[in-house]
């Protein structure tokens, strides 16, 4: 799954640690999501979408 998490985080000048704190996850989780090594759970995807005021589909894109 592709995502725009790194791009959205950079627009706000947040470090991975700052984003992790806002989402209540580890920095390693943020890194794994950004690099495509981990797909977030649905509840986490919703938290990310709310934080960035976007729809989930605007952040995450399925790859076939």
PDB file of N, CA and C in Angstrom:
ATOM      1  N   UNK A   1       0.840  -1.163   0.000  1.00  0.00           N
ATOM      2  CA  UNK A   1       0.000   0.000   0.000  1.00  0.00           C
ATOM      3  C   UNK A   1       0.898   1.243   0.000  1.00  0.00           C
ATOM      4  N   UNK A   2       0.628   2.143  -0.904  1.00  0.00           N
ATOM      5  CA  UNK A   2       1.353   3.416  -0.921  1.00  0.00           C
ATOM      6  C   UNK A   2       0.652   4.392   0.013  1.00  0.00           C
ATOM      7  N   UNK A   3       1.428   5.360   0.514  1.00  0.00           N
ATOM      8  CA  UNK A   3       0.807   6.371   1.355  1.00  0.00           C
ATOM      9  C   UNK A   3       1.545   7.696   1.223  1.00  0.00           C
ATOM     10  N   UNK A   4       0.880   8.742   1.659  1.00  0.00           N
ATOM     11  CA  UNK A   4       1.434  10.093   1.600  1.00  0.00           C
ATOM     12  C   UNK A   4       1.841  10.594   2.980  1.00  0.00           C
ATOM     13  N   UNK A   5       2.036   9.695   3.909  1.00  0.00           N
ATOM     14  CA  UNK A   5       2.295  10.089   5.293  1.00  0.00           C
ATOM     15  C   UNK A   5       3.543  10.958   5.417  1.00  0.00           C
ATOM     16  N   UNK A   6       4.623  10.564   4.786  1.00  0.00           N
ATOM     17  CA  UNK A   6       5.871  11.335   4.872  1.00  0.00           C
ATOM     18  C   UNK A   6       5.660  12.745   4.313  1.00  0.00           C
ATOM     19  N   UNK A   7       4.987  12.820   3.184  1.00  0.00           N
ATOM     20  CA  UNK A   7       4.709  14.117   2.550  1.00  0.00           C
ATOM     21  C   UNK A   7       3.854  15.006   3.456  1.00  0.00           C
ATOM     22  N   UNK A   8       2.792  14.456   4.018  1.00  0.00           N
ATOM     23  CA  UNK A   8       1.907  15.229   4.891  1.00  0.00           C
ATOM     24  C   UNK A   8       2.625  15.654   6.167  1.00  0.00           C
ATOM     25  N   UNK A   9       3.457  14.780   6.695  1.00  0.00           N
ATOM     26  CA  UNK A   9       4.237  15.107   7.893  1.00  0.00           C
ATOM     27  C   UNK A   9       5.214  16.236   7.591  1.00  0.00           C
ATOM     28  N   UNK A  10       5.868  16.172   6.441  1.00  0.00           N
ATOM     29  CA  UNK A  10       6.837  17.203   6.057  1.00  0.00           C
ATOM     30  C   UNK A  10       6.170  18.567   5.862  1.00  0.00           C
ATOM     31  N   UNK A  11       4.950  18.573   5.325  1.00  0.00           N
ATOM     32  CA  UNK A  11       4.227  19.833   5.137  1.00  0.00           C
ATOM     33  C   UNK A  11       4.037  20.571   6.456  1.00  0.00           C
ATOM     34  N   UNK A  12       3.974  19.830   7.547  1.00  0.00           N
ATOM     35  CA  UNK A  12       3.774  20.420   8.876  1.00  0.00           C
ATOM     36  C   UNK A  12       5.083  20.539   9.656  1.00  0.00           C
ATOM     37  N   UNK A  13       6.169  20.146   9.017  1.00  0.00           N
ATOM     38  CA  UNK A  13       7.496  20.187   9.644  1.00  0.00           C
ATOM     39  C   UNK A  13       7.545  19.387  10.945  1.00  0.00           C
ATOM     40  N   UNK A  14       6.855  18.265  10.964  1.00  0.00           N
ATOM     41  CA  UNK A  14       6.859  17.378  12.127  1.00  0.00           C
ATOM     42  C   UNK A  14       7.918  16.304  11.923  1.00  0.00           C
ATOM     43  N   UNK A  15       8.605  15.966  12.976  1.00  0.00           N
ATOM     44  CA  UNK A  15       9.503  14.812  12.937  1.00  0.00           C
ATOM     45  C   UNK A  15       8.655  13.544  13.066  1.00  0.00           C
ATOM     46  N   UNK A  16       9.276  12.413  12.803  1.00  0.00           N
ATOM     47  CA  UNK A  16       8.569  11.149  13.005  1.00  0.00           C
ATOM     48  C   UNK A  16       8.164  11.008  14.467  1.00  0.00           C
ATOM     49  N   UNK A  17       9.009  11.460  15.359  1.00  0.00           N
ATOM     50  CA  UNK A  17       8.716  11.380  16.798  1.00  0.00           C
ATOM     51  C   UNK A  17       7.494  12.234  17.150  1.00  0.00           C
ATOM     52  N   UNK A  18       7.417  13.450  16.593  1.00  0.00           N
ATOM     53  CA  UNK A  18       6.263  14.316  16.868  1.00  0.00           C
ATOM     54  C   UNK A  18       4.969  13.690  16.358  1.00  0.00           C
ATOM     55  N   UNK A  19       5.018  13.136  15.158  1.00  0.00           N
ATOM     56  CA  UNK A  19       3.836  12.491  14.615  1.00  0.00           C
ATOM     57  C   UNK A  19       3.450  11.280  15.465  1.00  0.00           C
ATOM     58  N   UNK A  20       4.438  10.512  15.858  1.00  0.00           N
ATOM     59  CA  UNK A  20       4.174   9.336  16.697  1.00  0.00           C
ATOM     60  C   UNK A  20       3.490   9.746  17.999  1.00  0.00           C
ATOM     61  N   UNK A  21       3.969  10.816  18.603  1.00  0.00           N
ATOM     62  CA  UNK A  21       3.347  11.300  19.848  1.00  0.00           C
ATOM     63  C   UNK A  21       1.895  11.693  19.616  1.00  0.00           C
ATOM     64  N   UNK A  22       1.620  12.379  18.528  1.00  0.00           N
ATOM     65  CA  UNK A  22       0.249  12.815  18.220  1.00  0.00           C
ATOM     66  C   UNK A  22      -0.676  11.624  17.959  1.00  0.00           C
ATOM     67  N   UNK A  23      -0.110  10.550  17.397  1.00  0.00           N
ATOM     68  CA  UNK A  23      -0.907   9.359  17.087  1.00  0.00           C
ATOM     69  C   UNK A  23      -0.885   8.326  18.205  1.00  0.00           C
ATOM     70  N   UNK A  24      -0.054   8.563  19.207  1.00  0.00           N
ATOM     71  CA  UNK A  24       0.112   7.630  20.322  1.00  0.00           C
ATOM     72  C   UNK A  24       0.607   6.259  19.858  1.00  0.00           C
ATOM     73  N   UNK A  25       1.619   6.311  18.998  1.00  0.00           N
ATOM     74  CA  UNK A  25       2.303   5.098  18.530  1.00  0.00           C
ATOM     75  C   UNK A  25       3.803   5.352  18.657  1.00  0.00           C
ATOM     76  N   UNK A  26       4.600   4.346  18.365  1.00  0.00           N
ATOM     77  CA  UNK A  26       6.055   4.515  18.427  1.00  0.00           C
ATOM     78  C   UNK A  26       6.578   5.182  17.152  1.00  0.00           C
ATOM     79  N   UNK A  27       7.759   5.785  17.267  1.00  0.00           N
ATOM     80  CA  UNK A  27       8.404   6.372  16.087  1.00  0.00           C
ATOM     81  C   UNK A  27       8.694   5.279  15.062  1.00  0.00           C
ATOM     82  N   UNK A  28       9.019   4.083  15.560  1.00  0.00           N
ATOM     83  CA  UNK A  28       9.292   2.964  14.654  1.00  0.00           C
ATOM     84  C   UNK A  28       8.058   2.602  13.842  1.00  0.00           C
ATOM     85  N   UNK A  29       6.881   2.714  14.444  1.00  0.00           N
ATOM     86  CA  UNK A  29       5.635   2.445  13.707  1.00  0.00           C
ATOM     87  C   UNK A  29       5.437   3.455  12.596  1.00  0.00           C
ATOM     88  N   UNK A  30       5.681   4.725  12.897  1.00  0.00           N
ATOM     89  CA  UNK A  30       5.555   5.771  11.872  1.00  0.00           C
ATOM     90  C   UNK A  30       6.516   5.490  10.736  1.00  0.00           C
ATOM     91  N   UNK A  31       7.760   5.160  11.072  1.00  0.00           N
ATOM     92  CA  UNK A  31       8.754   4.854  10.048  1.00  0.00           C
ATOM     93  C   UNK A  31       8.327   3.671   9.194  1.00  0.00           C
ATOM     94  N   UNK A  32       7.828   2.620   9.836  1.00  0.00           N
ATOM     95  CA  UNK A  32       7.413   1.420   9.097  1.00  0.00           C
ATOM     96  C   UNK A  32       6.239   1.715   8.164  1.00  0.00           C
ATOM     97  N   UNK A  33       5.314   2.560   8.593  1.00  0.00           N
ATOM     98  CA  UNK A  33       4.188   2.927   7.725  1.00  0.00           C
ATOM     99  C   UNK A  33       4.700   3.755   6.557  1.00  0.00           C
ATOM    100  N   UNK A  34       5.550   4.743   6.840  1.00  0.00           N
ATOM    101  CA  UNK A  34       6.064   5.613   5.774  1.00  0.00           C
ATOM    102  C   UNK A  34       6.841   4.839   4.717  1.00  0.00           C
ATOM    103  N   UNK A  35       7.571   3.834   5.127  1.00  0.00           N
ATOM    104  CA  UNK A  35       8.388   3.070   4.181  1.00  0.00           C
ATOM    105  C   UNK A  35       7.645   1.895   3.558  1.00  0.00           C
ATOM    106  N   UNK A  36       6.374   1.721   3.927  1.00  0.00           N
ATOM    107  CA  UNK A  36       5.572   0.666   3.331  1.00  0.00           C
ATOM    108  C   UNK A  36       5.829  -0.715   3.904  1.00  0.00           C
ATOM    109  N   UNK A  37       6.545  -0.783   5.024  1.00  0.00           N
ATOM    110  CA  UNK A  37       6.824  -2.078   5.643  1.00  0.00           C
ATOM    111  C   UNK A  37       5.679  -2.552   6.521  1.00  0.00           C
ATOM    112  N   UNK A  38       4.758  -1.646   6.829  1.00  0.00           N
ATOM    113  CA  UNK A  38       3.646  -1.960   7.720  1.00  0.00           C
ATOM    114  C   UNK A  38       2.428  -1.169   7.272  1.00  0.00           C
ATOM    115  N   UNK A  39       1.293  -1.824   7.167  1.00  0.00           N
ATOM    116  CA  UNK A  39       0.028  -1.157   6.875  1.00  0.00           C
ATOM    117  C   UNK A  39      -0.690  -0.930   8.199  1.00  0.00           C
ATOM    118  N   UNK A  40      -1.134   0.294   8.449  1.00  0.00           N
ATOM    119  CA  UNK A  40      -1.772   0.579   9.737  1.00  0.00           C
ATOM    120  C   UNK A  40      -3.104  -0.150   9.876  1.00  0.00           C
ATOM    121  N   UNK A  41      -3.479  -0.386  11.112  1.00  0.00           N
ATOM    122  CA  UNK A  41      -4.812  -0.940  11.379  1.00  0.00           C
ATOM    123  C   UNK A  41      -5.851   0.096  10.952  1.00  0.00           C
ATOM    124  N   UNK A  42      -7.065  -0.330  10.789  1.00  0.00           N
ATOM    125  CA  UNK A  42      -8.127   0.595  10.399  1.00  0.00           C
ATOM    126  C   UNK A  42      -8.312   1.714  11.422  1.00  0.00           C
ATOM    127  N   UNK A  43      -8.354   1.417  12.731  1.00  0.00           N
ATOM    128  CA  UNK A  43      -8.478   2.516  13.698  1.00  0.00           C
ATOM    129  C   UNK A  43      -7.322   3.521  13.600  1.00  0.00           C
ATOM    130  N   UNK A  44      -6.100   3.027  13.381  1.00  0.00           N
ATOM    131  CA  UNK A  44      -4.958   3.933  13.242  1.00  0.00           C
ATOM    132  C   UNK A  44      -5.064   4.741  11.953  1.00  0.00           C
ATOM    133  N   UNK A  45      -5.503   4.119  10.874  1.00  0.00           N
ATOM    134  CA  UNK A  45      -5.689   4.843   9.616  1.00  0.00           C
ATOM    135  C   UNK A  45      -6.706   5.975   9.791  1.00  0.00           C
ATOM    136  N   UNK A  46      -7.771   5.717  10.543  1.00  0.00           N
ATOM    137  CA  UNK A  46      -8.755   6.771  10.815  1.00  0.00           C
ATOM    138  C   UNK A  46      -8.142   7.889  11.650  1.00  0.00           C
ATOM    139  N   UNK A  47      -7.318   7.546  12.648  1.00  0.00           N
ATOM    140  CA  UNK A  47      -6.667   8.579  13.468  1.00  0.00           C
ATOM    141  C   UNK A  47      -5.743   9.443  12.615  1.00  0.00           C
ATOM    142  N   UNK A  48      -5.016   8.802  11.712  1.00  0.00           N
ATOM    143  CA  UNK A  48      -4.120   9.537  10.808  1.00  0.00           C
ATOM    144  C   UNK A  48      -4.935  10.482   9.931  1.00  0.00           C
ATOM    145  N   UNK A  49      -6.009   9.969   9.365  1.00  0.00           N
ATOM    146  CA  UNK A  49      -6.859  10.790   8.495  1.00  0.00           C
ATOM    147  C   UNK A  49      -7.436  11.985   9.249  1.00  0.00           C
ATOM    148  N   UNK A  50      -7.914  11.757  10.469  1.00  0.00           N
ATOM    149  CA  UNK A  50      -8.466  12.868  11.269  1.00  0.00           C
ATOM    150  C   UNK A  50      -7.388  13.897  11.592  1.00  0.00           C
ATOM    151  N   UNK A  51      -6.208  13.432  11.954  1.00  0.00           N
ATOM    152  CA  UNK A  51      -5.119  14.333  12.306  1.00  0.00           C
ATOM    153  C   UNK A  51      -4.768  15.255  11.138  1.00  0.00           C
ATOM    154  N   UNK A  52      -4.735  14.699   9.930  1.00  0.00           N
ATOM    155  CA  UNK A  52      -4.371  15.485   8.755  1.00  0.00           C
ATOM    156  C   UNK A  52      -5.581  16.086   8.039  1.00  0.00           C
ATOM    157  N   UNK A  53      -6.761  15.873   8.618  1.00  0.00           N
ATOM    158  CA  UNK A  53      -8.011  16.404   8.057  1.00  0.00           C
ATOM    159  C   UNK A  53      -8.175  16.007   6.588  1.00  0.00           C
ATOM    160  N   UNK A  54      -7.971  14.724   6.345  1.00  0.00           N
ATOM    161  CA  UNK A  54      -8.105  14.143   5.003  1.00  0.00           C
ATOM    162  C   UNK A  54      -8.932  12.870   5.099  1.00  0.00           C
ATOM    163  N   UNK A  55      -9.427  12.436   3.947  1.00  0.00           N
ATOM    164  CA  UNK A  55     -10.068  11.124   3.887  1.00  0.00           C
ATOM    165  C   UNK A  55      -8.968  10.064   3.808  1.00  0.00           C
ATOM    166  N   UNK A  56      -9.269   8.895   4.311  1.00  0.00           N
ATOM    167  CA  UNK A  56      -8.286   7.810   4.274  1.00  0.00           C
ATOM    168  C   UNK A  56      -7.768   7.593   2.850  1.00  0.00           C
ATOM    169  N   UNK A  57      -8.672   7.666   1.887  1.00  0.00           N
ATOM    170  CA  UNK A  57      -8.292   7.430   0.489  1.00  0.00           C
ATOM    171  C   UNK A  57      -7.335   8.484  -0.047  1.00  0.00           C
ATOM    172  N   UNK A  58      -7.294   9.638   0.589  1.00  0.00           N
ATOM    173  CA  UNK A  58      -6.368  10.692   0.167  1.00  0.00           C
ATOM    174  C   UNK A  58      -4.971  10.453   0.717  1.00  0.00           C
ATOM    175  N   UNK A  59      -4.851   9.586   1.693  1.00  0.00           N
ATOM    176  CA  UNK A  59      -3.556   9.302   2.318  1.00  0.00           C
ATOM    177  C   UNK A  59      -3.014   7.945   1.882  1.00  0.00           C
ATOM    178  N   UNK A  60      -3.900   6.955   1.831  1.00  0.00           N
ATOM    179  CA  UNK A  60      -3.490   5.586   1.528  1.00  0.00           C
ATOM    180  C   UNK A  60      -4.066   5.152   0.187  1.00  0.00           C
ATOM    181  N   UNK A  61      -3.217   4.498  -0.610  1.00  0.00           N
ATOM    182  CA  UNK A  61      -3.639   4.011  -1.929  1.00  0.00           C
ATOM    183  C   UNK A  61      -3.222   2.559  -2.067  1.00  0.00           C
ATOM    184  N   UNK A  62      -4.169   1.748  -2.437  1.00  0.00           N
ATOM    185  CA  UNK A  62      -3.898   0.323  -2.615  1.00  0.00           C
ATOM    186  C   UNK A  62      -3.019   0.117  -3.834  1.00  0.00           C
ATOM    187  N   UNK A  63      -2.044  -0.741  -3.709  1.00  0.00           N
ATOM    188  CA  UNK A  63      -1.217  -1.118  -4.855  1.00  0.00           C
ATOM    189  C   UNK A  63      -1.555  -2.544  -5.235  1.00  0.00           C
ATOM    190  N   UNK A  64      -1.646  -2.785  -6.503  1.00  0.00           N
ATOM    191  CA  UNK A  64      -2.009  -4.131  -6.980  1.00  0.00           C
ATOM    192  C   UNK A  64      -0.813  -4.884  -7.499  1.00  0.00           C
TER     193      UNK A  64
END
